Amino acid sequence: MATMNKPSVESILGRSPEELSLEERTAFAGSWIALEIYSPKTTPLRRIEAIGDSMEECIALLRRRGLEPTKFELSRLKPPY
C-alpha cells in the first residue's frame, strides 16, 4: 500500500485553513496552528502563521518568524471530515 509523505510546514504557512487540500488537512490533523486574532484587518481570510505538534512549538515558530505570539490564537487543526 502506498503511503503519503507529509507536506512541509512551509507549504502551508501563509494559507487559510480552508485552502488546504484534503491530503494536507489529513496529514496535519491534530497539529496546533496559530491564526492572527480576528480584526477587520485579518478578514476575510486569516492565515496560518505557525504550526506544530504542541502549543509551545507554535509559539517558538512565531517568535522565530519575528511575530508577537499574543496577537495569535492557537487551535488544533481538525481533520477534513
Protein backbone atom coordinates (compact mmCIF):
# COMPACT_ATOMS: atom_id res chain seq x y z
CA MET A 1 0.00 0.00 0.00
CA ALA A 2 1.35 3.44 -0.91
CA THR A 3 1.97 5.95 1.84
CA MET A 4 1.77 9.71 1.55
CA ASN A 5 4.71 11.83 2.58
CA LYS A 6 3.78 14.61 4.99
CA PRO A 7 3.87 18.01 3.28
CA SER A 8 6.40 20.51 4.58
CA VAL A 9 5.33 23.04 7.20
CA GLU A 10 6.49 25.84 4.91
CA SER A 11 4.00 24.71 2.26
CA ILE A 12 1.02 25.66 4.45
CA LEU A 13 2.31 28.80 6.19
CA GLY A 14 0.53 31.91 4.97
CA ARG A 15 -2.50 29.98 3.76
CA SER A 16 -6.01 29.90 5.16
CA PRO A 17 -7.04 26.58 6.77
CA GLU A 18 -9.93 26.47 4.29
CA GLU A 19 -7.43 26.47 1.39
CA LEU A 20 -5.69 23.27 2.49
CA SER A 21 -6.18 20.19 0.34
CA LEU A 22 -7.70 17.03 1.77
CA GLU A 23 -4.24 15.46 1.84
CA GLU A 24 -2.70 18.42 3.68
CA ARG A 25 -5.59 18.62 6.13
CA THR A 26 -5.32 14.88 6.83
CA ALA A 27 -1.53 14.98 7.21
CA PHE A 28 -1.64 17.86 9.73
CA ALA A 29 -4.85 16.91 11.56
CA GLY A 30 -4.34 17.27 15.30
CA SER A 31 -1.47 19.75 14.92
CA TRP A 32 -1.65 23.14 16.60
CA ILE A 33 -1.99 26.16 14.31
CA ALA A 34 -1.61 29.86 15.04
CA LEU A 35 -4.06 32.26 13.38
CA GLU A 36 -3.99 36.01 13.84
CA ILE A 37 -6.70 37.15 16.25
CA TYR A 38 -9.78 38.39 14.42
CA SER A 39 -9.86 42.03 13.41
CA PRO A 40 -11.09 43.95 10.36
CA LYS A 41 -7.50 43.78 9.02
CA THR A 42 -7.45 39.95 9.13
CA THR A 43 -10.71 39.37 7.28
CA PRO A 44 -11.88 37.79 5.10
CA LEU A 45 -9.06 35.24 5.35
CA ARG A 46 -6.94 34.54 8.36
CA ARG A 47 -3.73 32.77 7.52
CA ILE A 48 -1.78 30.04 9.27
CA GLU A 49 1.34 31.72 10.63
CA ALA A 50 2.72 28.77 12.63
CA ILE A 51 2.08 25.06 13.04
CA GLY A 52 3.46 22.47 15.44
CA ASP A 53 2.77 19.33 17.43
CA SER A 54 2.34 21.44 20.58
CA MET A 55 1.39 24.97 21.56
CA GLU A 56 5.00 25.55 22.60
CA GLU A 57 6.23 24.64 19.11
CA CYS A 58 3.74 27.07 17.56
CA ILE A 59 4.84 29.88 19.84
CA ALA A 60 8.51 29.15 19.16
CA LEU A 61 7.89 29.26 15.39
CA LEU A 62 6.02 32.56 15.71
CA ARG A 63 8.96 34.04 17.63
CA ARG A 64 11.49 32.71 15.09
CA ARG A 65 9.46 34.44 12.39
CA GLY A 66 9.55 37.71 14.37
CA LEU A 67 5.82 37.63 15.22
CA GLU A 68 4.28 38.52 18.60
CA PRO A 69 2.56 35.37 20.00
CA THR A 70 0.00 37.39 22.00
CA LYS A 71 -1.59 38.53 18.70
CA PHE A 72 -2.46 34.97 17.70
CA GLU A 73 -4.96 32.34 18.74
CA LEU A 74 -3.89 28.72 18.85
CA SER A 75 -6.19 25.87 17.95
CA ARG A 76 -5.97 22.31 16.73
CA LEU A 77 -6.39 21.67 13.02
CA LYS A 78 -9.37 19.36 12.55
CA PRO A 79 -9.47 16.52 10.05
CA PRO A 80 -11.25 17.28 6.77
CA TYR A 81 -14.26 15.11 7.65
